[in-house]
Protein backbone atom coordinates (compact mmCIF):
# COMPACT_ATOMS: atom_id res chain seq x y z
CA MET A 1 0.12 -0.10 0.06
CA ARG A 2 1.43 3.29 -0.81
CA ILE A 3 1.90 5.86 1.91
CA SER A 4 0.30 8.93 0.21
CA ARG A 5 -1.58 12.05 1.58
CA THR A 6 -5.22 11.64 2.57
CA SER A 7 -7.39 11.98 -0.49
CA ALA A 8 -9.96 14.53 -0.71
CA SER A 9 -12.68 11.89 -1.08
CA LEU A 10 -11.74 10.18 2.33
CA GLY A 11 -12.30 13.75 3.59
CA ALA A 12 -16.13 13.18 3.01
CA LEU A 13 -16.63 11.48 6.16
CA ALA A 14 -15.73 14.58 8.13
CA ILE A 15 -18.56 16.65 6.02
CA MET A 16 -21.10 13.99 6.64
CA LEU A 17 -21.05 14.48 10.21
CA LEU A 18 -21.42 18.13 10.31
CA GLY A 19 -25.07 17.88 11.62
CA ALA A 20 -24.36 15.67 14.61
CA GLY A 21 -22.24 15.54 17.79
CA ILE A 22 -19.75 12.70 18.75
CA PRO A 23 -18.03 12.20 22.01
CA ALA A 24 -14.30 12.07 22.10
CA LEU A 25 -11.93 9.75 23.71
CA GLY A 26 -9.61 10.38 26.81
CA GLN A 27 -7.89 8.73 29.74
CA ASP A 28 -9.40 7.85 33.24
CA LYS A 29 -6.91 10.24 34.85
CA PRO A 30 -6.41 12.73 31.97
CA GLU A 31 -2.67 12.49 31.16
CA SER A 32 -1.48 11.74 27.75
CA LEU A 33 1.04 8.82 28.56
CA LEU A 34 1.56 6.35 26.12
CA PRO A 35 0.39 3.06 27.34
CA PRO A 36 2.87 1.06 29.33
CA GLY A 37 3.86 -2.39 28.78
CA PHE A 38 5.53 -2.07 25.21
CA ASN A 39 8.42 -4.32 24.87
CA GLU A 40 7.27 -6.26 27.72
CA PRO A 41 5.54 -9.66 27.79
CA VAL A 42 1.74 -9.06 28.12
CA THR A 43 0.52 -11.09 31.21
CA THR A 44 -2.84 -12.86 30.30
CA PRO A 45 -4.91 -15.16 32.26
CA ALA A 46 -4.96 -19.02 31.52
CA PRO A 47 -7.07 -19.15 28.49
CA ALA A 48 -10.32 -20.86 27.90
CA PRO A 49 -10.33 -23.63 25.35
CA PRO A 50 -10.19 -21.94 21.79
CA PRO A 51 -13.47 -21.09 20.31
CA ARG A 52 -14.82 -22.39 16.91
CA PRO A 53 -13.60 -20.02 14.43
CA ARG A 54 -16.28 -17.50 13.31
CA PRO A 55 -16.75 -16.37 9.81
CA THR A 56 -14.22 -13.55 8.84
CA THR A 57 -16.18 -12.22 6.16
CA PRO A 58 -19.42 -10.13 7.08
CA ALA A 59 -22.75 -11.48 5.83
CA THR A 60 -24.46 -8.12 6.01
CA THR A 61 -23.65 -4.61 7.17
CA GLN A 62 -23.39 -1.24 5.48
CA VAL A 63 -20.65 1.26 5.67
CA PRO A 64 -21.58 4.70 7.02
CA ARG A 65 -21.87 6.97 3.86
CA PRO A 66 -22.41 10.72 3.31
CA THR A 67 -26.02 11.72 2.32
CA ALA A 68 -27.21 14.36 0.18
CA SER A 69 -27.57 16.60 3.14
CA GLY A 70 -23.95 15.72 4.43
CA VAL A 71 -25.25 13.64 7.21
CA VAL A 72 -23.76 10.42 7.99
CA ALA A 73 -26.39 7.50 8.01
CA VAL A 74 -25.47 4.83 10.61
CA PRO A 75 -27.24 1.60 9.44
CA THR A 76 -27.60 -1.78 11.19
CA SER A 77 -27.89 -3.75 7.84
CA GLY A 78 -27.42 -3.89 4.23
CA ALA A 79 -24.92 -4.94 1.60
CA THR A 80 -21.07 -4.67 2.70
CA ASP A 81 -18.45 -3.10 0.59
CA VAL A 82 -15.72 -3.51 3.12
CA PRO A 83 -12.23 -4.53 1.78
CA ASP A 84 -10.89 -7.68 3.26
CA ALA A 85 -7.81 -6.07 4.98
CA PRO A 86 -5.11 -3.64 4.04
CA VAL A 87 -2.19 -4.65 1.91
CA ALA A 88 1.65 -3.87 1.97
CA GLU A 89 1.59 -2.86 -1.82
CA ALA A 90 -0.88 -1.76 -3.94
CA THR A 91 -0.58 -4.14 -6.60
CA PRO A 92 0.33 -7.77 -5.87
CA ALA A 93 3.73 -9.10 -7.26
CA PRO A 94 3.66 -11.90 -9.92
CA VAL A 95 4.46 -15.22 -8.27
CA ASP A 96 6.91 -17.68 -9.87
CA PRO A 97 6.25 -21.11 -8.78
CA THR A 98 9.65 -21.95 -9.58
CA LEU A 99 11.29 -19.54 -7.20
CA PRO A 100 13.33 -21.45 -4.39
CA GLN A 101 11.23 -21.93 -0.99
CA VAL A 102 12.95 -20.33 1.96
CA THR A 103 12.17 -21.82 5.30
CA THR A 104 13.39 -19.65 8.26
CA SER A 105 11.48 -20.83 11.16
CA VAL A 106 10.44 -23.74 13.03
CA ARG A 107 6.88 -24.22 14.38
CA TYR A 108 6.54 -25.16 17.61
CA GLU A 109 3.46 -26.74 19.29
CA MET A 110 2.50 -24.83 22.76
CA PRO A 111 0.73 -26.58 25.65
CA ASP A 112 -2.83 -25.62 25.97
CA TYR A 113 -2.40 -23.56 29.08
CA ALA A 114 -0.01 -21.27 27.06
CA ARG A 115 -2.32 -20.43 24.26
CA ARG A 116 -4.14 -17.25 24.30
CA SER A 117 -7.91 -17.43 23.50
CA LEU A 118 -9.54 -15.29 20.65
CA ALA A 119 -12.45 -14.67 22.63
CA SER A 120 -10.34 -11.83 24.34
CA VAL A 121 -7.63 -10.15 22.34
CA GLY A 122 -5.65 -6.93 22.99
CA ALA A 123 -2.50 -5.76 24.33
CA ALA A 124 -3.48 -3.75 27.55
CA GLY A 125 -6.04 -3.81 30.41
CA PRO A 126 -7.35 -1.22 32.71
CA ALA A 127 -4.13 -1.38 34.82
CA GLU A 128 -2.17 -0.06 32.00
CA GLY A 129 -4.75 2.76 31.11
CA ALA A 130 -6.77 0.75 28.62
CA LEU A 131 -10.58 0.41 28.66
CA GLY A 132 -11.93 -2.76 30.05
CA PRO A 133 -12.89 -6.14 28.33
CA THR A 134 -16.65 -4.93 27.98
CA ALA A 135 -15.87 -1.82 26.39
CA PHE A 136 -17.82 -2.95 23.15
CA ARG A 137 -20.28 -5.02 25.09
CA GLY A 138 -23.30 -6.10 22.75
CA ALA A 139 -21.90 -4.39 19.73
CA ASP A 140 -21.87 -5.97 16.41
CA GLY A 141 -18.42 -6.89 15.14
CA ILE A 142 -18.99 -6.39 11.54
CA TYR A 143 -20.23 -2.94 12.10
CA LEU A 144 -17.42 -1.98 14.27
CA GLU A 145 -14.84 -3.20 11.51
CA ALA A 146 -16.70 -1.00 8.97
CA LEU A 147 -16.30 1.96 11.31
CA MET A 148 -12.85 1.15 11.88
CA ARG A 149 -12.25 0.87 8.30
CA TYR A 150 -13.61 4.11 7.09
CA LEU A 151 -12.35 6.40 9.89
CA ASP A 152 -10.22 8.99 8.19
CA ALA A 153 -7.33 9.69 10.90
CA PRO A 154 -6.18 12.21 12.19
CA VAL A 155 -8.82 13.54 14.22
CA ALA A 156 -9.29 16.83 15.59
CA SER A 157 -8.85 16.37 19.34
CA ARG A 158 -5.70 15.14 20.92
CA TRP A 159 -7.52 13.88 23.95
CA LEU A 160 -9.99 12.11 21.56
CA SER A 161 -6.97 10.47 19.67
CA ILE A 162 -5.52 9.30 23.24
CA GLY A 163 -8.92 7.91 24.18
CA LEU A 164 -9.27 6.15 20.82
CA ARG A 165 -5.86 4.60 21.19
CA ARG A 166 -7.08 3.31 24.65
CA ALA A 167 -10.06 1.57 23.27
CA LEU A 168 -8.21 -0.01 20.22
CA MET A 169 -5.43 -1.37 22.45
CA ALA A 170 -7.78 -2.70 25.01
CA ARG A 171 -7.86 -6.48 25.73
CA ILE A 172 -11.50 -6.72 24.88
CA ASP A 173 -14.31 -9.49 24.55
CA THR A 174 -14.34 -10.26 20.89
CA PRO A 175 -17.84 -8.95 19.58
CA ALA A 176 -20.26 -11.03 17.90
CA ARG A 177 -19.84 -12.21 14.23
CA VAL A 178 -16.26 -11.43 13.80
CA ASN A 179 -13.00 -13.69 14.45
CA GLY A 180 -10.78 -12.35 17.14
CA ALA A 181 -7.96 -12.17 14.82
CA ASP A 182 -9.47 -10.22 12.19
CA PHE A 183 -10.74 -7.76 14.78
CA ALA A 184 -7.35 -7.56 16.19
CA ALA A 185 -6.35 -6.67 12.41
CA GLU A 186 -8.62 -3.84 11.76
CA ARG A 187 -7.79 -2.28 15.24
CA ALA A 188 -4.11 -2.33 14.50
CA TRP A 189 -4.68 -1.11 10.89
CA LEU A 190 -6.51 1.83 12.28
CA LEU A 191 -3.58 2.53 14.87
CA VAL A 192 -1.09 2.45 12.11
CA ARG A 193 -3.06 5.01 10.17
CA MET A 194 -3.37 7.39 13.23
CA GLY A 195 0.49 7.13 13.74
CA GLU A 196 0.48 4.80 16.60
CA SER A 197 3.06 2.31 15.16
CA VAL A 198 4.28 0.93 18.53
CA ALA A 199 0.69 0.43 19.55
CA ALA A 200 -0.33 -1.41 16.35
CA ARG A 201 2.41 -3.74 16.72
CA ALA A 202 1.40 -4.61 20.30
CA VAL A 203 -2.23 -5.31 19.14
CA VAL A 204 -0.90 -7.56 16.35
CA GLN A 205 1.48 -9.69 18.70
CA SER A 206 -1.17 -10.17 21.27
CA VAL A 207 -2.54 -13.01 18.92
CA ASP A 208 -0.99 -16.31 18.84
CA SER A 209 0.78 -17.12 15.53
CA ASP A 210 -1.25 -20.18 15.02
CA ASN A 211 -4.45 -18.12 15.02
CA TYR A 212 -3.27 -15.71 12.32
CA THR A 213 -5.68 -14.92 9.60
CA PRO A 214 -4.93 -13.41 6.07
CA LYS A 215 -6.35 -10.15 7.35
CA LEU A 216 -4.00 -10.12 10.52
CA TYR A 217 -0.96 -11.15 8.46
CA GLN A 218 -1.31 -8.06 6.35
CA ALA A 219 -2.01 -5.80 9.38
CA ALA A 220 1.34 -7.37 10.81
CA MET A 221 3.36 -6.43 7.87
CA GLN A 222 2.10 -2.88 8.06
CA ALA A 223 2.90 -2.64 11.87
CA ALA A 224 6.27 -3.91 11.28
CA LEU A 225 7.04 -1.76 8.40
CA ALA A 226 5.74 1.24 10.47
CA THR A 227 8.32 0.44 13.32
CA GLY A 228 10.94 -0.24 10.93
CA ASP A 229 11.18 -3.61 12.45
CA PRO A 230 10.94 -6.29 9.68
CA GLY A 231 12.71 -8.67 12.27
CA ALA A 232 9.17 -8.74 13.81
CA LEU A 233 7.98 -10.76 10.76
CA CYS A 234 10.32 -13.52 11.05
CA SER A 235 8.44 -16.15 13.07
CA LEU A 236 5.67 -15.46 10.49
CA ALA A 237 7.47 -15.30 7.39
CA ASP A 238 7.02 -18.70 5.78
CA GLN A 239 3.32 -18.96 6.50
CA GLY A 240 2.79 -15.30 5.53
CA ALA A 241 4.23 -15.80 2.09
CA LYS A 242 1.86 -18.77 1.82
CA VAL A 243 -1.30 -16.99 2.86
CA ALA A 244 -0.88 -13.15 2.19
CA ARG A 245 0.99 -13.68 -1.15
CA GLU A 246 1.92 -9.79 -1.37
CA ARG A 247 5.30 -8.65 -2.49
CA ALA A 248 6.30 -7.84 0.94
CA TRP A 249 5.58 -11.14 2.23
CA LEU A 250 7.00 -12.89 -0.73
CA LEU A 251 10.47 -11.35 0.08
CA ALA A 252 10.09 -11.92 3.80
CA PRO A 253 11.42 -15.51 4.16
CA ALA A 254 14.47 -14.49 2.01
CA ILE A 255 15.20 -11.37 4.18
CA CYS A 256 14.71 -13.18 7.45
CA ALA A 257 16.99 -15.85 6.18
CA GLY A 258 19.63 -13.16 6.00
CA LEU A 259 18.96 -11.80 9.38
CA ALA A 260 19.46 -15.21 10.71
CA GLY A 261 22.94 -15.40 9.35
CA LEU A 262 22.11 -17.61 6.36
CA PRO A 263 23.50 -15.85 3.40
CA ALA A 264 23.56 -19.05 1.35
CA LYS A 265 19.81 -19.30 1.51
CA SER A 266 18.88 -15.51 1.49
CA THR A 267 20.86 -14.31 -1.38
CA PRO A 268 19.88 -17.04 -4.22
CA ALA A 269 16.14 -16.58 -2.97
CA LEU A 270 16.33 -12.57 -3.39
CA ASN A 271 18.43 -12.95 -6.69
CA ALA A 272 15.60 -15.32 -7.94
CA ALA A 273 12.75 -12.89 -6.70
CA GLU A 274 14.47 -10.04 -8.52
CA LYS A 275 14.57 -12.26 -11.74
CA ALA A 276 11.00 -13.27 -11.63
CA GLY A 277 9.92 -9.56 -10.88
CA VAL A 278 8.67 -9.92 -7.47
CA ALA A 279 10.61 -6.69 -6.69
CA ARG A 280 13.32 -4.60 -8.69
CA GLY A 281 15.03 -1.51 -8.24
CA ILE A 282 14.99 0.38 -4.90
CA ASP A 283 12.89 -2.39 -3.45
CA ILE A 284 14.94 -5.29 -4.13
CA LEU A 285 18.01 -3.13 -3.09
CA LEU A 286 16.52 -2.44 0.39
CA ALA A 287 15.48 -6.08 0.94
CA LYS A 288 19.15 -7.06 0.25
CA LYS A 289 20.36 -4.35 2.59
CA VAL A 290 18.43 -5.50 5.38
CA ALA A 291 19.11 -9.17 4.73
CA GLY A 292 22.88 -8.18 4.55
CA THR A 293 22.63 -6.99 8.20
CA GLY A 294 22.73 -10.35 9.66
CA SER A 295 25.80 -11.93 11.34
CA ARG A 296 27.45 -13.31 8.16
CA GLY A 297 25.96 -10.50 5.69
CA ARG A 298 29.04 -9.48 3.45
CA GLN A 299 27.21 -7.31 0.51
CA ALA A 300 27.84 -3.70 0.72
CA ILE A 301 24.40 -2.04 -0.69
CA THR A 302 24.24 1.68 -1.55
CA ILE A 303 20.84 3.06 -1.86
CA GLU A 304 20.37 5.90 -4.52
CA TRP A 305 17.00 7.76 -4.08
CA ASP A 306 17.24 9.95 -7.32
CA ALA A 307 15.04 7.63 -9.48
CA VAL A 308 12.33 7.40 -6.79
CA SER A 309 9.30 9.60 -6.62
CA GLN A 310 6.98 7.83 -4.12
CA LEU A 311 7.63 6.33 -0.53
CA THR A 312 5.82 3.19 -0.10
CA ALA A 313 5.47 1.58 3.57
CA PHE A 314 7.97 -1.10 2.29
CA ARG A 315 10.49 1.36 1.45
CA TYR A 316 10.01 3.43 4.54
CA GLY A 317 10.42 0.37 6.90
CA LEU A 318 13.34 -1.22 5.33
CA ALA A 319 15.24 2.16 4.86
CA THR A 320 14.58 2.93 8.52
CA ALA A 321 15.61 -0.68 9.60
CA THR A 322 19.01 -0.14 8.08
CA GLY A 323 19.49 3.44 8.95
CA THR A 324 19.38 4.66 5.48
CA GLU A 325 18.49 8.37 5.40
CA ILE A 326 15.27 9.13 3.34
CA PRO A 327 15.36 12.30 1.60
CA ASP A 328 12.90 15.19 2.86
CA SER A 329 11.61 15.54 -0.69
CA LEU A 330 10.34 11.75 -0.39
CA LEU A 331 9.07 12.15 3.08
CA LYS A 332 6.82 15.07 1.92
CA THR A 333 5.26 12.68 -0.51
CA ALA A 334 4.03 10.33 2.61
CA ALA A 335 0.91 10.63 4.84
CA PRO A 336 1.30 13.05 7.54
CA HIS A 337 0.99 10.05 10.00
CA VAL A 338 4.31 9.02 8.98
CA GLN A 339 5.79 11.89 10.91
CA ALA A 340 4.51 10.04 14.00
CA TRP A 341 6.04 6.91 13.09
CA ARG A 342 9.41 8.90 12.95
CA ALA A 343 8.82 10.39 16.22
CA LEU A 344 8.49 7.11 17.93
CA SER A 345 11.30 5.36 16.23
CA PRO A 346 14.26 4.20 18.32
CA MET A 347 16.05 3.59 14.88
CA LEU A 348 16.39 7.32 14.35
CA ASP A 349 18.83 9.50 15.99
CA THR A 350 17.28 12.40 18.51
CA ARG A 351 17.52 15.06 15.84
CA SER A 352 15.61 13.04 13.15
CA ARG A 353 12.93 12.37 15.69
CA ILE A 354 12.68 16.10 16.81
CA ALA A 355 11.45 17.27 13.69
CA PRO A 356 8.38 15.37 13.44
CA ALA A 357 7.60 15.40 17.25
CA ASP A 358 5.36 18.43 17.18
CA TYR A 359 3.05 16.72 15.06
CA ALA A 360 3.09 13.35 16.95
CA ALA A 361 2.48 15.51 20.21
CA ALA A 362 -0.41 17.38 18.63
CA ARG A 363 -2.20 14.38 17.66
CA GLY A 364 -1.47 12.48 21.15
CA VAL A 365 1.04 10.06 20.03
CA LEU A 366 3.83 11.62 22.29
CA SER A 367 2.89 12.57 25.60
CA ASN A 368 4.32 15.39 27.70
CA ALA A 369 6.92 13.39 29.44
CA ALA A 370 8.05 11.82 26.39
CA LEU A 371 8.36 15.02 24.48
CA VAL A 372 10.43 16.64 27.52
CA ASP A 373 12.60 13.30 27.40
CA LEU A 374 13.29 13.85 23.63
CA TYR A 375 14.41 17.26 24.28
CA GLY A 376 16.50 16.38 27.26
CA ALA A 377 18.34 13.74 25.26
CA LEU A 378 18.98 16.51 22.70
CA ASP A 379 20.39 18.86 25.32
CA ALA A 380 22.70 15.90 26.62
CA GLU A 381 24.19 15.45 23.12
CA ASP A 382 27.64 16.66 22.20
CA ASP A 383 26.59 18.49 19.09
CA GLN A 384 25.34 21.97 20.40
CA SER A 385 25.11 23.58 17.18
CA ILE A 386 21.68 22.50 15.85
CA ALA A 387 18.98 24.84 16.02
CA GLU A 388 16.88 22.67 18.16
CA ILE A 389 19.43 22.93 21.02
CA GLY A 390 18.00 26.43 21.70
CA VAL A 391 14.56 24.92 22.65
CA ALA A 392 16.27 22.15 25.02
CA ARG A 393 17.95 25.28 26.85
CA ASP A 394 14.91 27.33 27.26
CA LEU A 395 13.18 24.35 28.40
CA ARG A 396 15.84 23.77 31.15
CA THR A 397 15.55 27.47 32.09
CA ALA A 398 11.83 27.06 32.23
CA TYR A 399 12.21 24.36 34.72
CA ASN A 400 15.21 25.53 36.73
CA GLY A 401 15.57 29.28 35.92
CA ALA A 402 17.07 31.12 39.12
CA THR A 403 14.00 33.49 39.27
CA ARG A 404 10.37 33.50 38.45
CA ALA A 405 10.98 36.30 35.76
CA GLU A 406 13.33 34.11 34.13
CA ARG A 407 11.42 31.09 34.11
CA MET A 408 8.48 32.89 32.60
CA ALA A 409 10.47 34.60 30.01
CA ALA A 410 11.83 31.13 28.87
CA LEU A 411 8.19 30.06 28.72
CA ARG A 412 7.24 33.11 26.61
CA THR A 413 10.03 32.32 24.08
CA LEU A 414 9.06 28.75 23.62
CA TRP A 415 5.60 29.57 23.11
CA ASP A 416 6.03 32.57 20.72
CA GLU A 417 8.58 30.83 18.43
CA PRO A 418 6.57 28.30 16.44
CA LYS A 419 4.78 29.36 13.23
CA THR A 420 2.33 26.64 12.96
CA ALA A 421 -0.70 25.80 14.91
CA ASP A 422 0.64 22.30 15.54
CA GLY A 423 3.82 23.83 16.73
CA ARG A 424 2.23 26.12 19.19
CA PHE A 425 0.23 23.66 20.58
CA ALA A 426 3.12 21.13 20.86
CA ARG A 427 5.06 23.90 22.90
CA LEU A 428 2.09 24.12 25.36
CA ILE A 429 2.40 20.33 25.71
CA LEU A 430 6.36 20.30 26.18
CA THR A 431 6.00 22.94 29.07
CA ALA A 432 3.12 21.54 31.00
CA ARG A 433 5.00 20.41 33.91
CA ALA A 434 7.36 23.24 33.89
CA VAL A 435 4.37 25.40 34.31
CA ALA A 436 2.95 23.62 37.06
CA ARG A 437 5.93 24.36 39.01
CA LEU A 438 5.31 28.20 38.83
CA PRO A 439 4.04 29.80 41.88
CA VAL A 440 0.41 31.44 41.44
CA ASP A 441 1.65 34.71 42.14
CA THR A 442 4.19 34.86 39.36
CA VAL A 443 4.27 38.53 38.05
CA GLU A 444 3.61 39.02 34.43
CA ALA A 445 2.36 35.44 34.09
CA ASP A 446 0.52 34.86 30.67
CA VAL A 447 -2.47 33.26 32.69
CA ASP A 448 -4.26 31.94 29.36
CA ARG A 449 -1.34 30.24 28.11
CA VAL A 450 -0.38 28.86 31.75
CA VAL A 451 -3.63 27.24 32.00
CA ALA A 452 -3.75 25.77 28.50
CA SER A 453 -0.37 24.29 29.13
CA MET A 454 -1.14 22.34 32.06
CA LEU A 455 -4.60 21.16 30.78
CA THR A 456 -2.74 19.60 27.82
CA ALA A 457 -1.32 17.11 30.09
CA GLY A 458 -4.35 16.61 32.12
CA LEU A 459 -3.13 18.49 35.13
CA ASP A 460 -6.42 19.95 35.92
CA SER A 461 -5.88 20.16 39.74
CA PHE A 462 -2.57 22.31 39.34
CA ALA A 463 -4.56 24.49 36.71
CA GLN A 464 -7.39 25.26 39.29
CA ARG A 465 -4.93 26.81 41.62
CA TRP A 466 -4.81 29.64 38.96
CA ARG A 467 -8.61 30.43 39.28
CA SER A 468 -8.05 33.63 41.22
CA ARG A 469 -5.61 34.86 38.38
CA ALA A 470 -8.25 34.23 35.52
CA GLU A 471 -10.09 37.11 34.73
CA ARG A 472 -13.89 36.23 34.38
CA GLY A 473 -14.57 36.07 30.55
CA SER A 474 -11.05 35.17 29.88
CA ASP A 475 -9.86 32.20 27.97
CA ALA A 476 -8.18 31.10 30.92
CA TRP A 477 -11.53 31.42 33.03
CA ALA A 478 -13.40 29.36 30.26
CA MET A 479 -11.19 26.46 30.31
CA LEU A 480 -10.93 26.20 34.01
CA VAL A 481 -14.82 26.42 34.14
CA LEU A 482 -15.02 23.64 31.62
CA ALA A 483 -12.09 21.65 33.47
CA GLU A 484 -13.60 21.56 36.96
CA THR A 485 -14.96 18.44 38.24
CA ASP A 486 -18.00 19.68 39.78
CA SER A 487 -20.95 18.69 37.40
CA GLY A 488 -23.51 20.78 38.82
CA THR A 489 -25.62 23.40 37.03
CA GLY A 490 -24.14 26.50 38.79
CA TYR A 491 -23.83 28.45 35.76
CA SER A 492 -26.25 30.20 33.56
CA TYR A 493 -26.28 31.34 29.79
CA GLY A 494 -25.43 34.69 31.33
CA ASP A 495 -21.87 33.22 31.97
CA VAL A 496 -21.70 31.86 28.39
CA SER A 497 -22.74 35.19 26.85
CA GLY A 498 -20.34 36.90 28.98
CA TYR A 499 -17.47 35.16 27.63
CA ALA A 500 -15.81 37.12 24.60
CA GLY A 501 -12.92 34.70 23.71
CA LYS A 502 -9.47 36.07 22.50
CA ASN A 503 -9.38 36.40 18.92
CA ASP A 504 -12.87 35.19 18.50
CA GLY A 505 -13.99 37.38 15.59
CA THR A 506 -16.42 34.74 14.20
CA GLY A 507 -17.91 33.88 17.65
CA LEU A 508 -16.91 30.30 17.14
CA LYS A 509 -14.97 30.03 20.62
CA ARG A 510 -18.18 31.30 22.31
CA ARG A 511 -20.38 28.74 20.46
CA MET A 512 -17.68 25.86 21.52
CA PHE A 513 -17.65 27.24 25.04
CA PHE A 514 -21.57 26.98 25.13
CA ALA A 515 -21.57 23.45 23.61
CA GLY A 516 -19.07 22.25 26.16
CA MET A 517 -21.21 23.87 28.96
CA ALA A 518 -24.23 22.29 27.87
CA GLY A 519 -22.57 18.78 27.17
CA LEU A 520 -21.11 18.79 30.69
CA GLY A 521 -24.37 19.67 32.16
CA LYS A 522 -22.98 22.87 33.70
CA ILE A 523 -26.14 24.77 32.68
CA SER A 524 -29.62 23.49 32.83
CA ALA A 525 -31.74 21.91 30.25
CA ALA A 526 -33.86 25.01 29.70
CA GLU A 527 -30.85 27.33 29.71
CA ALA A 528 -29.33 25.13 26.97
CA GLU A 529 -32.12 25.21 24.90
CA SER A 530 -32.42 28.95 25.16
CA GLY A 531 -28.89 29.28 24.40
CA ALA A 532 -28.91 27.04 21.44
CA ARG A 533 -31.58 29.38 19.80
CA SER A 534 -29.53 32.53 20.56
CA LEU A 535 -26.29 31.16 19.30
CA ASP A 536 -27.70 29.21 16.46
CA VAL A 537 -25.97 25.80 17.76
CA PRO A 538 -28.60 22.90 16.57
CA ILE A 539 -27.79 20.79 19.65
CA GLY A 540 -31.21 19.03 19.29
CA ASN A 541 -30.74 17.98 15.68
CA GLU A 542 -30.90 14.23 14.95
CA ASN A 543 -29.63 12.12 12.23
CA GLY A 544 -28.45 8.59 11.96
CA TRP A 545 -25.19 9.33 13.64
CA THR A 546 -26.54 11.21 16.66
CA ARG A 547 -29.22 8.32 17.24
CA ALA A 548 -26.01 5.73 16.88
CA ILE A 549 -23.99 7.49 19.35
CA ASP A 550 -26.95 8.11 21.71
CA ARG A 551 -27.70 4.44 21.56
CA ALA A 552 -24.14 3.56 22.39
CA ALA A 553 -24.33 5.94 25.53
CA ARG A 554 -27.57 4.53 26.76
CA GLN A 555 -26.26 0.96 26.20
CA ASN A 556 -23.00 1.90 28.21
CA GLN A 557 -20.63 1.11 25.43
CA PRO A 558 -17.80 3.38 25.93
CA GLY A 559 -15.66 1.80 23.03
CA LEU A 560 -18.44 2.49 20.52
CA VAL A 561 -18.76 5.73 21.95
CA LEU A 562 -15.31 6.68 21.32
CA LEU A 563 -15.20 5.16 17.95
CA LEU A 564 -18.30 7.14 16.85
CA ALA A 565 -16.90 10.10 18.30
CA ALA A 566 -13.72 9.96 16.21
CA ILE A 567 -16.16 9.53 13.24
CA GLY A 568 -17.59 12.80 14.07
CA MET A 569 -14.26 14.76 14.58
CA GLN A 570 -12.20 13.28 11.67
CA THR A 571 -10.71 16.73 10.73
CA SER A 572 -7.15 17.87 11.45
CA ASP A 573 -8.25 21.24 12.38
CA TRP A 574 -10.65 22.27 15.09
CA HIS A 575 -12.01 24.93 12.98
CA GLY A 576 -13.93 22.14 11.07
CA VAL A 577 -15.54 20.64 14.18
CA PRO A 578 -19.11 22.23 14.45
CA PRO A 579 -20.14 23.23 18.01
CA GLU A 580 -22.99 20.38 18.02
CA VAL A 581 -20.41 18.01 17.50
CA LEU A 582 -18.60 18.87 20.69
CA PHE A 583 -21.86 18.96 22.38
CA ARG A 584 -22.84 15.40 21.56
CA THR A 585 -19.22 14.24 22.22
CA VAL A 586 -18.99 15.29 25.83
CA SER A 587 -22.56 14.47 26.42
CA ALA A 588 -22.03 10.96 25.42
CA LEU A 589 -18.80 10.78 27.13
CA ARG A 590 -20.54 11.61 30.44
CA ALA A 591 -23.07 9.13 30.19
CA VAL A 592 -20.43 6.22 29.77
CA GLY A 593 -18.64 7.52 32.77
CA LEU A 594 -15.65 9.13 30.98
CA THR A 595 -16.23 12.53 32.36
CA GLY A 596 -12.56 13.29 32.88
CA GLU A 597 -12.12 13.05 28.94
CA ALA A 598 -15.24 15.04 28.32
CA ARG A 599 -13.79 17.97 30.54
CA MET A 600 -10.47 17.84 28.83
CA ILE A 601 -11.76 17.84 25.27
CA ALA A 602 -14.31 20.78 25.83
CA ALA A 603 -11.18 22.71 27.29
CA GLU A 604 -8.97 21.62 24.29
CA ALA A 605 -11.38 23.25 21.93
CA ILE A 606 -11.07 26.75 23.87
CA ALA A 607 -7.10 26.43 23.67
CA ARG A 608 -6.85 25.32 19.95
CA LEU A 609 -9.21 27.75 18.50
């Protein structure tokens, strides 16, 4: 599959929900930490006997589609047109039956007690910050897979993205009418498109290799390429080449033979693949380069990108694995989520990961702690000549400056420097804990950005200490009102109309503030109805999407609520999110017990507009 910028046609799903509202996703304790447990064995209970395989192809379902009015229909049955699975390349390679068969792995029979059941599949549980096993209770599996397949990532809200990751990574009960391995494949494929490469790999690896389906083989390839780790495929290479039959899988056994230190098997197989047309040019050279990194590899392969016009997942993954630098001109041909893959990749040096870190942080892929660690590593390196070192030094001053004035000056420098919206928001994330160390009586504090910064990391209790410094009607005041834990109706529409909003020439921030207040239940139903008429926010409109998310909320299906919320916010810019969508979002999140996430998303809307 080519890695290309999101097409305009996929953006239609964002338009189809403009008349509805969908709750976003967050964490039980609002803090954007990456789920723990990566690179560690996942502890699972002793499994029940494996269930009988369920059909992997849906009998009936219908994918949400835009209607003439621009509103999504969320049906329950109908003909399906959902593709079987993602593929590693757009066009399957020709297969030559005379190619030598390379065996790189030995299959071992696991005892019954060590096998993991497909009845419950996932990489993390509530203890690691994921949702519980019943997150999708009662939901139809085919319907869920269709929603995942057609979700156009990224979504507008950082907190929504974090919550969606928590739902997709969860060790959940497999829904009805789908195979557990296929359901894991759809979740992993969506995580890859969100930029969550490490999370996708964890989900793929939560299924025993004996239970892999063609769809999961394809998702496993995508996750391995996104993480730049072709070695992760070696235990699956032989069977994957037989089942998946795509170019990348056909080359995998030969590559893995090279990684295993068996050049006598690897080299002839790769040469035969090149001759048969399975791969040529840059693709076969990259495959040979990876194979040559094994213990007995002797080939020196030079990679020239001059004749390459498109960066594919295969090329990205193998180049990253071998430390081959990809030209900036090619990286620009890739979809934006590739930036998040790079920010997460331990194969790249710190400087290469810093460049895409702003995008990854703004999308919830990198947490405040991860971003600070990245700049801390840069500050500790010997090369002090690069431009980013100034950011690392200012961050150090923001934490440890000799005076309050010095720390505040460093924070202002960090906040004012970026020229893009992602860059400015990423700096608020970067400084969250440095800001939390500031005394409330700090002179000349930029209260609006101080509060916004702390809330990006879910430090709401620290932010509330600044309530006395937040002028009524200011952005800081609005964010603190939305973020406070008290859900009583202690406010009125007068409080909403009294909020002007900084740089709010169109009135969008005021409408967003109203939508958040109404959705969080901070104003009465009567006040909400009156405010909706005054501000022209149609919070009472109904369509297929609103009915679906309301139904999921009533049935206490937090996983489905989060997924539908993402469907409603699938735009990269908060200016593309209608206020009524925010209203439905936070309202549904409250209904399923995700109040903390609802508060953070409502406050985020003010911070990012």
